[in-house]
C-alpha atoms as a PDB file:
ATOM      1  CA  MET A   1      -1.506   9.564  -0.090  1.00  0.00           C
ATOM      2  CA  PHE A   2      -5.230   8.859   0.952  1.00  0.00           C
ATOM      3  CA  SER A   3      -8.111  10.241  -1.058  1.00  0.00           C
ATOM      4  CA  HIS A   4     -10.313  10.755   1.929  1.00  0.00           C
ATOM      5  CA  PRO A   5     -10.000  12.691   5.473  1.00  0.00           C
ATOM      6  CA  ALA A   6      -7.918  11.250   8.141  1.00  0.00           C
ATOM      7  CA  VAL A   7      -8.775  11.287  11.726  1.00  0.00           C
ATOM      8  CA  ILE A   8      -6.275  10.463  14.658  1.00  0.00           C
ATOM      9  CA  VAL A   9      -8.032   8.109  17.013  1.00  0.00           C
ATOM     10  CA  HIS A  10      -6.575   7.082  20.519  1.00  0.00           C
ATOM     11  CA  GLY A  11      -9.416   4.520  21.775  1.00  0.00           C
ATOM     12  CA  ILE A  12     -12.663   2.979  20.999  1.00  0.00           C
ATOM     13  CA  ASP A  13     -14.669   6.119  21.779  1.00  0.00           C
ATOM     14  CA  HIS A  14     -12.741   8.110  19.073  1.00  0.00           C
ATOM     15  CA  VAL A  15     -13.293   5.315  16.708  1.00  0.00           C
ATOM     16  CA  ARG A  16     -17.006   5.444  17.224  1.00  0.00           C
ATOM     17  CA  LEU A  17     -17.126   9.145  16.849  1.00  0.00           C
ATOM     18  CA  ALA A  18     -15.026   8.994  13.665  1.00  0.00           C
ATOM     19  CA  LEU A  19     -17.240   6.266  12.106  1.00  0.00           C
ATOM     20  CA  ARG A  20     -20.540   7.438  13.186  1.00  0.00           C
ATOM     21  CA  PRO A  21     -21.164  10.070  10.531  1.00  0.00           C
ATOM     22  CA  GLY A  22     -20.858   7.139   7.773  1.00  0.00           C
ATOM     23  CA  ARG A  23     -18.378   8.982   5.546  1.00  0.00           C
ATOM     24  CA  LYS A  24     -15.261   7.781   4.040  1.00  0.00           C
ATOM     25  CA  VAL A  25     -12.537   8.060   6.624  1.00  0.00           C
ATOM     26  CA  VAL A  26      -8.840   7.048   7.417  1.00  0.00           C
ATOM     27  CA  LEU A  27      -8.416   6.264  10.905  1.00  0.00           C
ATOM     28  CA  VAL A  28      -4.837   6.905  12.083  1.00  0.00           C
ATOM     29  CA  SER A  29      -3.195   5.824  15.269  1.00  0.00           C
ATOM     30  CA  GLY A  30      -1.455   8.208  17.627  1.00  0.00           C
ATOM     31  CA  HIS A  31       2.213   8.781  16.655  1.00  0.00           C
ATOM     32  CA  GLY A  32       4.173   5.572  17.602  1.00  0.00           C
ATOM     33  CA  ALA A  33       1.139   3.770  18.758  1.00  0.00           C
ATOM     34  CA  ALA A  34       2.601   0.511  17.655  1.00  0.00           C
ATOM     35  CA  LEU A  35       5.331   1.002  20.465  1.00  0.00           C
ATOM     36  CA  TYR A  36       3.015   1.858  23.227  1.00  0.00           C
ATOM     37  CA  ALA A  37      -0.183   0.092  22.553  1.00  0.00           C
ATOM     38  CA  GLY A  38       0.911  -2.558  19.969  1.00  0.00           C
ATOM     39  CA  THR A  39      -0.302  -3.987  16.902  1.00  0.00           C
ATOM     40  CA  GLY A  40      -2.736  -6.315  18.671  1.00  0.00           C
ATOM     41  CA  TRP A  41      -4.610  -3.525  20.283  1.00  0.00           C
ATOM     42  CA  TRP A  42      -4.945  -1.522  16.998  1.00  0.00           C
ATOM     43  CA  ARG A  43      -6.246  -4.276  14.960  1.00  0.00           C
ATOM     44  CA  ALA A  44      -8.668  -5.191  17.624  1.00  0.00           C
ATOM     45  CA  LEU A  45      -9.765  -1.549  17.623  1.00  0.00           C
ATOM     46  CA  MET A  46     -10.207  -1.612  13.947  1.00  0.00           C
ATOM     47  CA  ALA A  47     -12.118  -4.739  13.997  1.00  0.00           C
ATOM     48  CA  ILE A  48     -14.630  -3.443  16.502  1.00  0.00           C
ATOM     49  CA  GLY A  49     -15.101  -0.328  14.469  1.00  0.00           C
ATOM     50  CA  ARG A  50     -15.722  -2.253  11.312  1.00  0.00           C
ATOM     51  CA  ALA A  51     -18.233  -4.583  13.096  1.00  0.00           C
ATOM     52  CA  GLU A  52     -20.073  -1.772  14.561  1.00  0.00           C
ATOM     53  CA  PHE A  53     -19.930   0.362  11.299  1.00  0.00           C
ATOM     54  CA  PRO A  54     -20.041  -2.093   8.591  1.00  0.00           C
ATOM     55  CA  THR A  55     -21.219   0.315   6.034  1.00  0.00           C
ATOM     56  CA  THR A  56     -18.839   3.021   6.556  1.00  0.00           C
ATOM     57  CA  PRO A  57     -16.038   3.059   4.182  1.00  0.00           C
ATOM     58  CA  MET A  58     -12.714   3.072   6.268  1.00  0.00           C
ATOM     59  CA  THR A  59      -9.002   2.301   6.099  1.00  0.00           C
ATOM     60  CA  ASP A  60      -6.661   2.654   8.855  1.00  0.00           C
ATOM     61  CA  LEU A  61      -2.954   3.557   9.315  1.00  0.00           C
ATOM     62  CA  LEU A  62      -0.851   2.230  12.206  1.00  0.00           C
ATOM     63  CA  ASP A  63       2.071   4.606  13.180  1.00  0.00           C
ATOM     64  CA  CYS A  64       5.283   2.651  13.920  1.00  0.00           C
ATOM     65  CA  ALA A  65       7.363   5.730  14.480  1.00  0.00           C
ATOM     66  CA  ALA A  66      11.033   4.867  14.021  1.00  0.00           C
ATOM     67  CA  ALA A  67      10.607   1.195  15.075  1.00  0.00           C
ATOM     68  CA  PRO A  68      11.159  -1.078  12.072  1.00  0.00           C
ATOM     69  CA  GLY A  69      10.569  -4.226  14.063  1.00  0.00           C
ATOM     70  CA  ARG A  70       7.098  -2.900  15.039  1.00  0.00           C
ATOM     71  CA  ALA A  71       6.299  -2.308  11.452  1.00  0.00           C
ATOM     72  CA  LEU A  72       7.465  -5.765  10.647  1.00  0.00           C
ATOM     73  CA  GLU A  73       5.121  -7.227  13.351  1.00  0.00           C
ATOM     74  CA  ALA A  74       2.275  -5.231  12.142  1.00  0.00           C
ATOM     75  CA  LEU A  75       2.798  -6.564   8.575  1.00  0.00           C
ATOM     76  CA  ARG A  76       3.068 -10.193   9.968  1.00  0.00           C
ATOM     77  CA  ALA A  77      -0.404  -9.620  11.662  1.00  0.00           C
ATOM     78  CA  GLY A  78      -1.869  -8.483   8.358  1.00  0.00           C
ATOM     79  CA  GLN A  79      -1.884  -4.640   8.777  1.00  0.00           C
ATOM     80  CA  ALA A  80      -2.377  -3.130   5.408  1.00  0.00           C
ATOM     81  CA  ALA A  81      -1.001   0.598   5.980  1.00  0.00           C
ATOM     82  CA  ILE A  82       1.770   1.493   8.139  1.00  0.00           C
ATOM     83  CA  ARG A  83       3.620   4.640   8.771  1.00  0.00           C
ATOM     84  CA  LEU A  84       7.415   4.319   9.509  1.00  0.00           C
ATOM     85  CA  ASP A  85      10.039   7.265   9.652  1.00  0.00           C
ATOM     86  CA  ALA A  86      11.673   7.501   6.297  1.00  0.00           C
ATOM     87  CA  SER A  87      14.985   8.141   8.126  1.00  0.00           C
ATOM     88  CA  VAL A  88      15.058   4.639   9.511  1.00  0.00           C
ATOM     89  CA  PRO A  89      17.872   2.708   7.716  1.00  0.00           C
ATOM     90  CA  ALA A  90      15.696  -0.470   7.305  1.00  0.00           C
ATOM     91  CA  TRP A  91      12.998   1.597   5.650  1.00  0.00           C
ATOM     92  CA  PRO A  92      13.720   0.202   2.098  1.00  0.00           C
ATOM     93  CA  ALA A  93      13.759  -3.478   3.275  1.00  0.00           C
ATOM     94  CA  VAL A  94      10.443  -2.914   5.175  1.00  0.00           C
ATOM     95  CA  ALA A  95       8.906  -1.211   2.152  1.00  0.00           C
ATOM     96  CA  ALA A  96      10.090  -4.206   0.067  1.00  0.00           C
ATOM     97  CA  ILE A  97       8.418  -6.592   2.524  1.00  0.00           C
ATOM     98  CA  ALA A  98       5.246  -4.469   2.685  1.00  0.00           C
ATOM     99  CA  ASN A  99       5.112  -4.517  -0.914  1.00  0.00           C
ATOM    100  CA  SER A 100       5.668  -8.305  -1.293  1.00  0.00           C
ATOM    101  CA  LEU A 101       2.488  -8.514   1.161  1.00  0.00           C
ATOM    102  CA  GLY A 102       0.326  -6.266  -0.843  1.00  0.00           C
ATOM    103  CA  ALA A 103       0.684  -3.731   2.076  1.00  0.00           C
ATOM    104  CA  GLN A 104       1.652   0.046   1.970  1.00  0.00           C
ATOM    105  CA  LEU A 105       4.239   1.659   3.935  1.00  0.00           C
ATOM    106  CA  PHE A 106       4.116   5.335   4.392  1.00  0.00           C
ATOM    107  CA  PRO A 107       6.851   7.760   5.328  1.00  0.00           C
ATOM    108  CA  ASP A 108       4.421  10.522   6.336  1.00  0.00           C
ATOM    109  CA  ARG A 109       1.348  11.006   8.277  1.00  0.00           C
ATOM    110  CA  PRO A 110      -1.718  12.298   6.332  1.00  0.00           C
ATOM    111  CA  PRO A 111      -3.195  15.719   7.207  1.00  0.00           C
ATOM    112  CA  ALA A 112      -5.685  14.913  10.045  1.00  0.00           C
ATOM    113  CA  ILE A 113      -7.740  16.184  12.871  1.00  0.00           C
ATOM    114  CA  ASP A 114      -6.769  14.679  16.356  1.00  0.00           C
ATOM    115  CA  LEU A 115      -9.706  13.648  18.548  1.00  0.00           C
ATOM    116  CA  GLY A 116      -7.400  13.534  21.460  1.00  0.00           C
ATOM    117  CA  GLN A 117      -6.541  17.052  21.041  1.00  0.00           C
ATOM    118  CA  GLY A 118     -10.103  18.422  21.407  1.00  0.00           C
ATOM    119  CA  ASP A 119     -10.898  18.418  17.665  1.00  0.00           C
ATOM    120  CA  ALA A 120     -14.159  16.469  17.877  1.00  0.00           C
ATOM    121  CA  TRP A 121     -16.136  19.786  17.238  1.00  0.00           C
ATOM    122  CA  ARG A 122     -14.564  19.950  13.957  1.00  0.00           C
ATOM    123  CA  LEU A 123     -15.169  16.409  12.735  1.00  0.00           C
ATOM    124  CA  ASP A 124     -18.279  16.796  10.664  1.00  0.00           C
ATOM    125  CA  ALA A 125     -16.878  19.659   8.814  1.00  0.00           C
ATOM    126  CA  TRP A 126     -13.658  17.796   8.396  1.00  0.00           C
ATOM    127  CA  LEU A 127     -15.216  14.809   6.906  1.00  0.00           C
ATOM    128  CA  ALA A 128     -17.406  16.596   4.664  1.00  0.00           C
ATOM    129  CA  GLY A 129     -14.286  18.022   3.009  1.00  0.00           C
ATOM    130  CA  ASP A 130     -13.728  21.450   4.682  1.00  0.00           C
ATOM    131  CA  THR A 131     -10.307  21.938   4.167  1.00  0.00           C
ATOM    132  CA  ASP A 132     -10.437  25.072   6.320  1.00  0.00           C
ATOM    133  CA  ALA A 133     -10.770  22.987   9.459  1.00  0.00           C
ATOM    134  CA  LYS A 134      -7.696  23.259  11.567  1.00  0.00           C
ATOM    135  CA  LEU A 135      -5.013  20.512  10.835  1.00  0.00           C
ATOM    136  CA  ARG A 136      -2.901  18.753  13.344  1.00  0.00           C
END
């Protein structure tokens, strides 16, 4: 799925914490964040992170839960990586649209630590590739 560690972030403080070490990272939204926070919020959060840490290699994944409309909205906004429940009947159609736009649609979330669940103390080890760090 992704070749570097994933970190679940819930706001700008988490983004800064995840990017500060300067290691490759995938920033993942909270489950269903496209529904309760929106694509615009996520894209703005990622833009701030990229602007403040321009040398830190990062990708980001917006979780759209079971909402294909939100996934399409995210694609329209230019989101390059989206997670949508594979059980959604519209998944094949959304995947085809994502593919036509050069975006990626994922049915699963990557293994990650969640900074909203008190995992910040594990962050350095996780980003360094310590696979024994507790997964969420």
